[in-house]
Amino acid sequence: MSRGLEATARREELFYEIIDDYKEKAKSDKRYDKTVKVLLEGKKEFMSGVPFLRIIHNSQDKLQKLKEKRASK
C-alpha cells in the first residue's frame, strides 16, 4: 500500500474513533448530538486536512450568518 493510501486510511480510522467518542458523550449529554451531525457532514473536509475544531467553528459561523440574514429581512 502506498504511503498516501496508508495516511488516508489512518486518517479515516481516526475520524471514526473520534466520532465514536462523541457518540458516547451524546448518550449522556444531548448537546453532543449536533456535534456528531456537524462532524459527519464535515468528513470530506476532515479527510482533506481540516481539523475537527475548525469544522465545528465554520459550522457555527455559517449558522450565525444565516441567523443574521433572517433577522435583517
N, C-alpha and C. Protein backbone atom coordinates (compact mmCIF):
# COMPACT_ATOMS: atom_id res chain seq x y z
N MET A 1 0.86 -1.18 0.00
CA MET A 1 0.00 0.00 0.00
C MET A 1 0.90 1.24 0.00
N SER A 2 0.56 2.19 -0.78
CA SER A 2 1.38 3.38 -0.86
C SER A 2 1.24 4.21 0.41
N ARG A 3 2.19 5.08 0.63
CA ARG A 3 2.18 5.90 1.84
C ARG A 3 0.96 6.81 1.90
N GLY A 4 0.54 7.31 0.75
CA GLY A 4 -0.63 8.19 0.70
C GLY A 4 -1.90 7.45 1.10
N LEU A 5 -2.04 6.23 0.61
CA LEU A 5 -3.22 5.43 0.96
C LEU A 5 -3.20 5.05 2.43
N GLU A 6 -2.00 4.76 2.96
CA GLU A 6 -1.89 4.42 4.39
C GLU A 6 -2.28 5.61 5.25
N ALA A 7 -1.83 6.79 4.87
CA ALA A 7 -2.16 8.00 5.62
C ALA A 7 -3.67 8.27 5.57
N THR A 8 -4.26 8.07 4.41
CA THR A 8 -5.71 8.27 4.27
C THR A 8 -6.47 7.27 5.13
N ALA A 9 -6.03 6.04 5.12
CA ALA A 9 -6.69 5.01 5.93
C ALA A 9 -6.57 5.33 7.42
N ARG A 10 -5.40 5.78 7.87
CA ARG A 10 -5.21 6.15 9.27
C ARG A 10 -6.08 7.34 9.64
N ARG A 11 -6.16 8.30 8.74
CA ARG A 11 -6.98 9.49 9.00
C ARG A 11 -8.47 9.11 9.10
N GLU A 12 -8.92 8.22 8.23
CA GLU A 12 -10.32 7.80 8.28
C GLU A 12 -10.58 7.00 9.56
N GLU A 13 -9.63 6.16 9.96
CA GLU A 13 -9.78 5.41 11.21
C GLU A 13 -9.87 6.37 12.40
N LEU A 14 -9.02 7.37 12.41
CA LEU A 14 -9.05 8.38 13.46
C LEU A 14 -10.39 9.12 13.46
N PHE A 15 -10.89 9.45 12.29
CA PHE A 15 -12.17 10.14 12.17
C PHE A 15 -13.26 9.35 12.88
N TYR A 16 -13.34 8.06 12.60
CA TYR A 16 -14.41 7.25 13.19
C TYR A 16 -14.19 7.01 14.68
N GLU A 17 -12.95 6.96 15.13
CA GLU A 17 -12.69 6.84 16.56
C GLU A 17 -13.21 8.08 17.29
N ILE A 18 -12.95 9.25 16.74
CA ILE A 18 -13.41 10.49 17.36
C ILE A 18 -14.93 10.58 17.32
N ILE A 19 -15.53 10.20 16.20
CA ILE A 19 -16.99 10.20 16.09
C ILE A 19 -17.59 9.27 17.15
N ASP A 20 -17.00 8.10 17.33
CA ASP A 20 -17.49 7.16 18.34
C ASP A 20 -17.41 7.76 19.74
N ASP A 21 -16.32 8.49 20.03
CA ASP A 21 -16.19 9.15 21.33
C ASP A 21 -17.31 10.18 21.53
N TYR A 22 -17.58 10.97 20.51
CA TYR A 22 -18.65 11.96 20.61
C TYR A 22 -20.01 11.30 20.75
N LYS A 23 -20.22 10.16 20.09
CA LYS A 23 -21.49 9.44 20.22
C LYS A 23 -21.68 8.93 21.64
N GLU A 24 -20.60 8.48 22.27
CA GLU A 24 -20.67 8.04 23.67
C GLU A 24 -21.04 9.22 24.57
N LYS A 25 -20.44 10.37 24.32
CA LYS A 25 -20.76 11.57 25.11
C LYS A 25 -22.22 11.98 24.88
N ALA A 26 -22.71 11.77 23.67
CA ALA A 26 -24.08 12.17 23.33
C ALA A 26 -25.12 11.34 24.08
N LYS A 27 -24.73 10.14 24.50
CA LYS A 27 -25.66 9.31 25.26
C LYS A 27 -26.03 9.95 26.59
N SER A 28 -25.06 10.66 27.20
CA SER A 28 -25.33 11.28 28.49
C SER A 28 -25.62 12.78 28.37
N ASP A 29 -25.21 13.41 27.30
CA ASP A 29 -25.43 14.85 27.11
C ASP A 29 -25.88 15.09 25.68
N LYS A 30 -27.13 15.39 25.50
CA LYS A 30 -27.73 15.51 24.15
C LYS A 30 -27.14 16.65 23.33
N ARG A 31 -26.40 17.56 23.95
CA ARG A 31 -25.79 18.65 23.18
C ARG A 31 -24.78 18.12 22.17
N TYR A 32 -24.24 16.94 22.43
CA TYR A 32 -23.24 16.36 21.52
C TYR A 32 -23.87 15.78 20.26
N ASP A 33 -25.19 15.57 20.25
CA ASP A 33 -25.85 15.06 19.05
C ASP A 33 -25.59 15.96 17.86
N LYS A 34 -25.71 17.26 18.06
CA LYS A 34 -25.49 18.22 16.97
C LYS A 34 -24.02 18.20 16.54
N THR A 35 -23.11 18.06 17.50
CA THR A 35 -21.69 18.00 17.18
C THR A 35 -21.39 16.80 16.29
N VAL A 36 -21.96 15.66 16.63
CA VAL A 36 -21.77 14.46 15.81
C VAL A 36 -22.29 14.70 14.40
N LYS A 37 -23.45 15.31 14.29
CA LYS A 37 -24.04 15.59 12.97
C LYS A 37 -23.13 16.52 12.15
N VAL A 38 -22.64 17.58 12.78
CA VAL A 38 -21.77 18.54 12.09
C VAL A 38 -20.48 17.86 11.64
N LEU A 39 -19.91 17.03 12.49
CA LEU A 39 -18.66 16.35 12.15
C LEU A 39 -18.87 15.34 11.02
N LEU A 40 -19.97 14.63 11.05
CA LEU A 40 -20.23 13.68 9.97
C LEU A 40 -20.42 14.41 8.64
N GLU A 41 -21.07 15.58 8.68
CA GLU A 41 -21.24 16.38 7.46
C GLU A 41 -19.89 16.91 6.97
N GLY A 42 -18.95 17.10 7.91
CA GLY A 42 -17.64 17.65 7.56
C GLY A 42 -16.58 16.60 7.30
N LYS A 43 -16.98 15.35 7.06
CA LYS A 43 -15.99 14.29 6.86
C LYS A 43 -15.07 14.60 5.68
N LYS A 44 -15.62 15.08 4.60
CA LYS A 44 -14.81 15.38 3.41
C LYS A 44 -13.76 16.44 3.75
N GLU A 45 -14.15 17.45 4.52
CA GLU A 45 -13.21 18.48 4.93
C GLU A 45 -12.11 17.88 5.81
N PHE A 46 -12.51 17.04 6.77
CA PHE A 46 -11.54 16.42 7.67
C PHE A 46 -10.54 15.57 6.89
N MET A 47 -11.04 14.80 5.94
CA MET A 47 -10.16 13.94 5.15
C MET A 47 -9.19 14.75 4.30
N SER A 48 -9.54 16.00 4.00
CA SER A 48 -8.64 16.84 3.23
C SER A 48 -7.68 17.63 4.13
N GLY A 49 -7.79 17.42 5.45
CA GLY A 49 -6.81 18.02 6.36
C GLY A 49 -7.33 19.09 7.30
N VAL A 50 -8.61 19.39 7.26
CA VAL A 50 -9.17 20.41 8.13
C VAL A 50 -9.41 19.80 9.52
N PRO A 51 -8.91 20.44 10.59
CA PRO A 51 -9.11 19.90 11.93
C PRO A 51 -10.58 19.94 12.36
N PHE A 52 -10.94 19.05 13.29
CA PHE A 52 -12.32 18.99 13.79
C PHE A 52 -12.80 20.32 14.33
N LEU A 53 -11.99 20.97 15.13
CA LEU A 53 -12.43 22.23 15.74
C LEU A 53 -12.71 23.29 14.68
N ARG A 54 -11.97 23.29 13.60
CA ARG A 54 -12.21 24.24 12.51
C ARG A 54 -13.54 23.91 11.83
N ILE A 55 -13.85 22.64 11.66
CA ILE A 55 -15.12 22.24 11.05
C ILE A 55 -16.28 22.73 11.91
N ILE A 56 -16.16 22.53 13.23
CA ILE A 56 -17.21 22.98 14.15
C ILE A 56 -17.34 24.50 14.11
N HIS A 57 -16.20 25.20 14.14
CA HIS A 57 -16.21 26.67 14.12
C HIS A 57 -16.84 27.18 12.83
N ASN A 58 -16.48 26.59 11.69
CA ASN A 58 -17.06 27.01 10.41
C ASN A 58 -18.56 26.80 10.41
N SER A 59 -19.01 25.72 11.00
CA SER A 59 -20.45 25.44 11.07
C SER A 59 -21.15 26.51 11.90
N GLN A 60 -20.53 26.90 13.01
CA GLN A 60 -21.11 27.94 13.86
C GLN A 60 -21.15 29.28 13.13
N ASP A 61 -20.09 29.59 12.35
CA ASP A 61 -20.07 30.82 11.57
C ASP A 61 -21.21 30.83 10.54
N LYS A 62 -21.41 29.71 9.86
CA LYS A 62 -22.47 29.63 8.86
C LYS A 62 -23.83 29.82 9.51
N LEU A 63 -24.03 29.21 10.67
CA LEU A 63 -25.29 29.33 11.39
C LEU A 63 -25.53 30.78 11.82
N GLN A 64 -24.49 31.44 12.32
CA GLN A 64 -24.62 32.83 12.75
C GLN A 64 -24.97 33.74 11.58
N LYS A 65 -24.32 33.55 10.45
CA LYS A 65 -24.60 34.37 9.27
C LYS A 65 -26.03 34.16 8.79
N LEU A 66 -26.50 32.90 8.86
CA LEU A 66 -27.87 32.60 8.47
C LEU A 66 -28.86 33.30 9.40
N LYS A 67 -28.58 33.29 10.70
CA LYS A 67 -29.46 33.97 11.67
C LYS A 67 -29.49 35.48 11.41
N GLU A 68 -28.32 36.07 11.13
CA GLU A 68 -28.25 37.50 10.85
C GLU A 68 -29.02 37.83 9.57
N LYS A 69 -28.90 36.98 8.57
CA LYS A 69 -29.61 37.21 7.31
C LYS A 69 -31.11 37.16 7.52
N ARG A 70 -31.57 36.20 8.31
CA ARG A 70 -33.01 36.09 8.59
C ARG A 70 -33.50 37.27 9.41
N ALA A 71 -32.69 37.75 10.33
CA ALA A 71 -33.08 38.87 11.19
C ALA A 71 -33.17 40.18 10.39
N SER A 72 -32.37 40.30 9.33
CA SER A 72 -32.37 41.54 8.55
C SER A 72 -33.54 41.62 7.58
N LYS A 73 -34.25 40.54 7.38
CA LYS A 73 -35.38 40.53 6.43
C LYS A 73 -36.60 41.16 7.02
